[in-house]
Each structure stands twice: as structure tokens, then as C-alpha cells.
Amino acid sequence: MRKLTKSSDQKMIAGVCGGIAEYFGIEVTWVRLIWAVISLFAGSGIILYILAAIIMPKEEGWE
């Protein structure tokens, strides 16, 4: 069973977008682009990113 975790390989800030991309099997650039658009137009993307960074567990073996 796959588990949604923060990525240690595709990490820019906290690894949230990389973890989402790995979970769904898509390119991390698309996730980051969508997240940026949501943040710019809806304004709630930044708050959601911070919440996801706090809630999502780290990938095993991540220091």
C-alpha cells in the first residue's frame, strides 16, 4: 500500500509537492505549477502548503 509522505529526493522547501507527485506518479513540476497557480489566485495555497508540511509524515530514511 502506498503512503503519502514528504519526499526527500524531490525537495525544494519541505518536500510536500515532491511527495504528492511521487504518490500520484506524475512529474513534480506539474504539481509545483498547480500549487503556485492556486496560491496566486486563491491565496489559500500557502496556508494549505504549511498545513501539509506539518501533517504529512516524512519518508522513511529521511534525516
PDB file of N, CA and C in Angstrom:
ATOM      1  N   MET A   1       0.842  -1.187   0.000  1.00  0.00           N
ATOM      2  CA  MET A   1       0.000   0.000   0.000  1.00  0.00           C
ATOM      3  C   MET A   1       0.881   1.242   0.000  1.00  0.00           C
ATOM      4  N   ARG A   2       0.589   2.145  -0.919  1.00  0.00           N
ATOM      5  CA  ARG A   2       1.348   3.390  -0.977  1.00  0.00           C
ATOM      6  C   ARG A   2       0.927   4.314   0.147  1.00  0.00           C
ATOM      7  N   LYS A   3       1.877   5.125   0.593  1.00  0.00           N
ATOM      8  CA  LYS A   3       1.623   6.051   1.667  1.00  0.00           C
ATOM      9  C   LYS A   3       2.058   7.437   1.218  1.00  0.00           C
ATOM     10  N   LEU A   4       1.243   8.441   1.473  1.00  0.00           N
ATOM     11  CA  LEU A   4       1.570   9.812   1.122  1.00  0.00           C
ATOM     12  C   LEU A   4       2.549  10.364   2.148  1.00  0.00           C
ATOM     13  N   THR A   5       3.776  10.616   1.709  1.00  0.00           N
ATOM     14  CA  THR A   5       4.807  11.150   2.582  1.00  0.00           C
ATOM     15  C   THR A   5       5.528  12.292   1.876  1.00  0.00           C
ATOM     16  N   LYS A   6       6.222  13.110   2.664  1.00  0.00           N
ATOM     17  CA  LYS A   6       7.054  14.160   2.083  1.00  0.00           C
ATOM     18  C   LYS A   6       8.253  13.504   1.406  1.00  0.00           C
ATOM     19  N   SER A   7       8.635  14.036   0.269  1.00  0.00           N
ATOM     20  CA  SER A   7       9.736  13.459  -0.497  1.00  0.00           C
ATOM     21  C   SER A   7      11.071  13.999  -0.015  1.00  0.00           C
ATOM     22  N   SER A   8      12.055  13.121   0.043  1.00  0.00           N
ATOM     23  CA  SER A   8      13.410  13.564   0.370  1.00  0.00           C
ATOM     24  C   SER A   8      14.228  13.791  -0.897  1.00  0.00           C
ATOM     25  N   ASP A   9      13.788  13.209  -2.017  1.00  0.00           N
ATOM     26  CA  ASP A   9      14.504  13.358  -3.286  1.00  0.00           C
ATOM     27  C   ASP A   9      14.070  14.596  -4.060  1.00  0.00           C
ATOM     28  N   GLN A  10      12.785  14.882  -4.095  1.00  0.00           N
ATOM     29  CA  GLN A  10      12.226  15.995  -4.863  1.00  0.00           C
ATOM     30  C   GLN A  10      11.884  17.162  -3.943  1.00  0.00           C
ATOM     31  N   LYS A  11      12.783  17.505  -3.065  1.00  0.00           N
ATOM     32  CA  LYS A  11      12.530  18.501  -2.039  1.00  0.00           C
ATOM     33  C   LYS A  11      13.059  19.870  -2.457  1.00  0.00           C
ATOM     34  N   MET A  12      12.208  20.894  -2.371  1.00  0.00           N
ATOM     35  CA  MET A  12      12.653  22.276  -2.552  1.00  0.00           C
ATOM     36  C   MET A  12      12.507  23.034  -1.234  1.00  0.00           C
ATOM     37  N   ILE A  13      11.335  22.957  -0.639  1.00  0.00           N
ATOM     38  CA  ILE A  13      11.106  23.625   0.646  1.00  0.00           C
ATOM     39  C   ILE A  13      10.923  22.562   1.732  1.00  0.00           C
ATOM     40  N   ALA A  14       9.804  21.860   1.668  1.00  0.00           N
ATOM     41  CA  ALA A  14       9.526  20.841   2.685  1.00  0.00           C
ATOM     42  C   ALA A  14       9.313  19.458   2.088  1.00  0.00           C
ATOM     43  N   GLY A  15       9.252  19.351   0.770  1.00  0.00           N
ATOM     44  CA  GLY A  15       9.057  18.058   0.130  1.00  0.00           C
ATOM     45  C   GLY A  15       7.609  17.677  -0.093  1.00  0.00           C
ATOM     46  N   VAL A  16       6.682  18.617   0.135  1.00  0.00           N
ATOM     47  CA  VAL A  16       5.262  18.325   0.002  1.00  0.00           C
ATOM     48  C   VAL A  16       4.890  18.056  -1.454  1.00  0.00           C
ATOM     49  N   CYS A  17       5.264  18.944  -2.358  1.00  0.00           N
ATOM     50  CA  CYS A  17       4.921  18.766  -3.775  1.00  0.00           C
ATOM     51  C   CYS A  17       5.591  17.513  -4.346  1.00  0.00           C
ATOM     52  N   GLY A  18       6.821  17.263  -3.949  1.00  0.00           N
ATOM     53  CA  GLY A  18       7.506  16.060  -4.397  1.00  0.00           C
ATOM     54  C   GLY A  18       6.822  14.802  -3.909  1.00  0.00           C
ATOM     55  N   GLY A  19       6.348  14.814  -2.687  1.00  0.00           N
ATOM     56  CA  GLY A  19       5.629  13.669  -2.139  1.00  0.00           C
ATOM     57  C   GLY A  19       4.313  13.422  -2.841  1.00  0.00           C
ATOM     58  N   ILE A  20       3.595  14.498  -3.152  1.00  0.00           N
ATOM     59  CA  ILE A  20       2.328  14.363  -3.874  1.00  0.00           C
ATOM     60  C   ILE A  20       2.586  13.822  -5.277  1.00  0.00           C
ATOM     61  N   ALA A  21       3.621  14.333  -5.939  1.00  0.00           N
ATOM     62  CA  ALA A  21       3.961  13.859  -7.290  1.00  0.00           C
ATOM     63  C   ALA A  21       4.343  12.382  -7.283  1.00  0.00           C
ATOM     64  N   GLU A  22       5.130  11.966  -6.312  1.00  0.00           N
ATOM     65  CA  GLU A  22       5.519  10.557  -6.218  1.00  0.00           C
ATOM     66  C   GLU A  22       4.301   9.670  -5.930  1.00  0.00           C
ATOM     67  N   TYR A  23       3.398  10.146  -5.104  1.00  0.00           N
ATOM     68  CA  TYR A  23       2.209   9.365  -4.752  1.00  0.00           C
ATOM     69  C   TYR A  23       1.326   9.120  -5.973  1.00  0.00           C
ATOM     70  N   PHE A  24       1.118  10.162  -6.784  1.00  0.00           N
ATOM     71  CA  PHE A  24       0.255  10.042  -7.951  1.00  0.00           C
ATOM     72  C   PHE A  24       1.005   9.621  -9.209  1.00  0.00           C
ATOM     73  N   GLY A  25       2.332   9.546  -9.148  1.00  0.00           N
ATOM     74  CA  GLY A  25       3.119   9.101 -10.290  1.00  0.00           C
ATOM     75  C   GLY A  25       3.184  10.110 -11.423  1.00  0.00           C
ATOM     76  N   ILE A  26       3.219  11.397 -11.078  1.00  0.00           N
ATOM     77  CA  ILE A  26       3.305  12.446 -12.095  1.00  0.00           C
ATOM     78  C   ILE A  26       4.568  13.266 -11.875  1.00  0.00           C
ATOM     79  N   GLU A  27       4.875  14.110 -12.826  1.00  0.00           N
ATOM     80  CA  GLU A  27       6.069  14.954 -12.756  1.00  0.00           C
ATOM     81  C   GLU A  27       5.876  16.023 -11.679  1.00  0.00           C
ATOM     82  N   VAL A  28       6.890  16.215 -10.863  1.00  0.00           N
ATOM     83  CA  VAL A  28       6.817  17.152  -9.748  1.00  0.00           C
ATOM     84  C   VAL A  28       6.638  18.594 -10.231  1.00  0.00           C
ATOM     85  N   THR A  29       7.113  18.909 -11.415  1.00  0.00           N
ATOM     86  CA  THR A  29       6.974  20.264 -11.955  1.00  0.00           C
ATOM     87  C   THR A  29       5.505  20.637 -12.115  1.00  0.00           C
ATOM     88  N   TRP A  30       4.677  19.693 -12.550  1.00  0.00           N
ATOM     89  CA  TRP A  30       3.247  19.967 -12.712  1.00  0.00           C
ATOM     90  C   TRP A  30       2.586  20.245 -11.371  1.00  0.00           C
ATOM     91  N   VAL A  31       2.957  19.497 -10.356  1.00  0.00           N
ATOM     92  CA  VAL A  31       2.379  19.715  -9.022  1.00  0.00           C
ATOM     93  C   VAL A  31       2.782  21.088  -8.500  1.00  0.00           C
ATOM     94  N   ARG A  32       4.040  21.448  -8.673  1.00  0.00           N
ATOM     95  CA  ARG A  32       4.505  22.764  -8.218  1.00  0.00           C
ATOM     96  C   ARG A  32       3.815  23.889  -8.974  1.00  0.00           C
ATOM     97  N   LEU A  33       3.619  23.716 -10.269  1.00  0.00           N
ATOM     98  CA  LEU A  33       2.954  24.730 -11.082  1.00  0.00           C
ATOM     99  C   LEU A  33       1.499  24.905 -10.652  1.00  0.00           C
ATOM    100  N   ILE A  34       0.810  23.813 -10.448  1.00  0.00           N
ATOM    101  CA  ILE A  34      -0.590  23.882  -9.996  1.00  0.00           C
ATOM    102  C   ILE A  34      -0.673  24.536  -8.625  1.00  0.00           C
ATOM    103  N   TRP A  35       0.248  24.166  -7.733  1.00  0.00           N
ATOM    104  CA  TRP A  35       0.249  24.740  -6.390  1.00  0.00           C
ATOM    105  C   TRP A  35       0.519  26.237  -6.441  1.00  0.00           C
ATOM    106  N   ALA A  36       1.408  26.678  -7.327  1.00  0.00           N
ATOM    107  CA  ALA A  36       1.710  28.102  -7.476  1.00  0.00           C
ATOM    108  C   ALA A  36       0.500  28.870  -7.996  1.00  0.00           C
ATOM    109  N   VAL A  37      -0.199  28.301  -8.967  1.00  0.00           N
ATOM    110  CA  VAL A  37      -1.393  28.961  -9.508  1.00  0.00           C
ATOM    111  C   VAL A  37      -2.463  29.084  -8.438  1.00  0.00           C
ATOM    112  N   ILE A  38      -2.667  28.026  -7.668  1.00  0.00           N
ATOM    113  CA  ILE A  38      -3.648  28.073  -6.578  1.00  0.00           C
ATOM    114  C   ILE A  38      -3.255  29.133  -5.559  1.00  0.00           C
ATOM    115  N   SER A  39      -1.982  29.232  -5.257  1.00  0.00           N
ATOM    116  CA  SER A  39      -1.512  30.215  -4.283  1.00  0.00           C
ATOM    117  C   SER A  39      -1.707  31.642  -4.788  1.00  0.00           C
ATOM    118  N   LEU A  40      -1.449  31.857  -6.075  1.00  0.00           N
ATOM    119  CA  LEU A  40      -1.574  33.201  -6.626  1.00  0.00           C
ATOM    120  C   LEU A  40      -3.026  33.656  -6.756  1.00  0.00           C
ATOM    121  N   PHE A  41      -3.901  32.773  -7.202  1.00  0.00           N
ATOM    122  CA  PHE A  41      -5.277  33.177  -7.465  1.00  0.00           C
ATOM    123  C   PHE A  41      -6.218  32.964  -6.292  1.00  0.00           C
ATOM    124  N   ALA A  42      -6.073  31.894  -5.585  1.00  0.00           N
ATOM    125  CA  ALA A  42      -6.976  31.624  -4.478  1.00  0.00           C
ATOM    126  C   ALA A  42      -6.419  32.134  -3.149  1.00  0.00           C
ATOM    127  N   GLY A  43      -5.097  32.211  -3.050  1.00  0.00           N
ATOM    128  CA  GLY A  43      -4.479  32.698  -1.825  1.00  0.00           C
ATOM    129  C   GLY A  43      -4.394  31.665  -0.718  1.00  0.00           C
ATOM    130  N   SER A  44      -5.142  30.602  -0.826  1.00  0.00           N
ATOM    131  CA  SER A  44      -5.150  29.596   0.230  1.00  0.00           C
ATOM    132  C   SER A  44      -4.061  28.544   0.041  1.00  0.00           C
ATOM    133  N   GLY A  45      -3.379  28.559  -1.092  1.00  0.00           N
ATOM    134  CA  GLY A  45      -2.343  27.565  -1.370  1.00  0.00           C
ATOM    135  C   GLY A  45      -1.196  27.606  -0.383  1.00  0.00           C
ATOM    136  N   ILE A  46      -0.845  28.798   0.069  1.00  0.00           N
ATOM    137  CA  ILE A  46       0.261  28.933   1.030  1.00  0.00           C
ATOM    138  C   ILE A  46      -0.122  28.307   2.366  1.00  0.00           C
ATOM    139  N   ILE A  47      -1.331  28.578   2.808  1.00  0.00           N
ATOM    140  CA  ILE A  47      -1.799  28.003   4.076  1.00  0.00           C
ATOM    141  C   ILE A  47      -1.905  26.483   3.963  1.00  0.00           C
ATOM    142  N   LEU A  48      -2.417  26.000   2.832  1.00  0.00           N
ATOM    143  CA  LEU A  48      -2.523  24.556   2.633  1.00  0.00           C
ATOM    144  C   LEU A  48      -1.151  23.892   2.593  1.00  0.00           C
ATOM    145  N   TYR A  49      -0.169  24.571   1.993  1.00  0.00           N
ATOM    146  CA  TYR A  49       1.187  24.014   1.940  1.00  0.00           C
ATOM    147  C   TYR A  49       1.770  23.893   3.342  1.00  0.00           C
ATOM    148  N   ILE A  50       1.604  24.917   4.137  1.00  0.00           N
ATOM    149  CA  ILE A  50       2.121  24.886   5.514  1.00  0.00           C
ATOM    150  C   ILE A  50       1.451  23.775   6.313  1.00  0.00           C
ATOM    151  N   LEU A  51       0.140  23.644   6.178  1.00  0.00           N
ATOM    152  CA  LEU A  51      -0.572  22.563   6.871  1.00  0.00           C
ATOM    153  C   LEU A  51      -0.102  21.191   6.401  1.00  0.00           C
ATOM    154  N   ALA A  52       0.081  21.037   5.096  1.00  0.00           N
ATOM    155  CA  ALA A  52       0.551  19.759   4.565  1.00  0.00           C
ATOM    156  C   ALA A  52       1.958  19.448   5.062  1.00  0.00           C
ATOM    157  N   ALA A  53       2.814  20.469   5.143  1.00  0.00           N
ATOM    158  CA  ALA A  53       4.174  20.262   5.631  1.00  0.00           C
ATOM    159  C   ALA A  53       4.185  19.808   7.087  1.00  0.00           C
ATOM    160  N   ILE A  54       3.220  20.263   7.852  1.00  0.00           N
ATOM    161  CA  ILE A  54       3.131  19.871   9.262  1.00  0.00           C
ATOM    162  C   ILE A  54       2.507  18.481   9.404  1.00  0.00           C
ATOM    163  N   ILE A  55       1.473  18.204   8.621  1.00  0.00           N
ATOM    164  CA  ILE A  55       0.699  16.975   8.778  1.00  0.00           C
ATOM    165  C   ILE A  55       1.341  15.764   8.105  1.00  0.00           C
ATOM    166  N   MET A  56       1.884  15.947   6.892  1.00  0.00           N
ATOM    167  CA  MET A  56       2.433  14.804   6.146  1.00  0.00           C
ATOM    168  C   MET A  56       3.663  14.230   6.854  1.00  0.00           C
ATOM    169  N   PRO A  57       3.717  12.922   7.016  1.00  0.00           N
ATOM    170  CA  PRO A  57       4.906  12.308   7.637  1.00  0.00           C
ATOM    171  C   PRO A  57       6.098  12.324   6.686  1.00  0.00           C
ATOM    172  N   LYS A  58       7.275  12.261   7.258  1.00  0.00           N
ATOM    173  CA  LYS A  58       8.491  12.201   6.457  1.00  0.00           C
ATOM    174  C   LYS A  58       8.644  10.805   5.866  1.00  0.00           C
ATOM    175  N   GLU A  59       9.313  10.747   4.731  1.00  0.00           N
ATOM    176  CA  GLU A  59       9.628   9.479   4.089  1.00  0.00           C
ATOM    177  C   GLU A  59      10.596   8.707   4.978  1.00  0.00           C
ATOM    178  N   GLU A  60      10.460   7.389   5.035  1.00  0.00           N
ATOM    179  CA  GLU A  60      11.363   6.587   5.873  1.00  0.00           C
ATOM    180  C   GLU A  60      12.794   6.739   5.396  1.00  0.00           C
ATOM    181  N   GLY A  61      13.714   6.858   6.314  1.00  0.00           N
ATOM    182  CA  GLY A  61      15.123   7.021   5.970  1.00  0.00           C
ATOM    183  C   GLY A  61      15.517   8.452   5.699  1.00  0.00           C
ATOM    184  N   TRP A  62      14.600   9.391   5.962  1.00  0.00           N
ATOM    185  CA  TRP A  62      14.860  10.810   5.713  1.00  0.00           C
ATOM    186  C   TRP A  62      15.385  11.449   6.984  1.00  0.00           C
ATOM    187  N   GLU A  63      16.496  12.113   6.886  1.00  0.00           N
ATOM    188  CA  GLU A  63      17.085  12.749   8.085  1.00  0.00           C
ATOM    189  C   GLU A  63      16.862  14.223   8.079  1.00  0.00           C
TER     190      GLU A  63
END
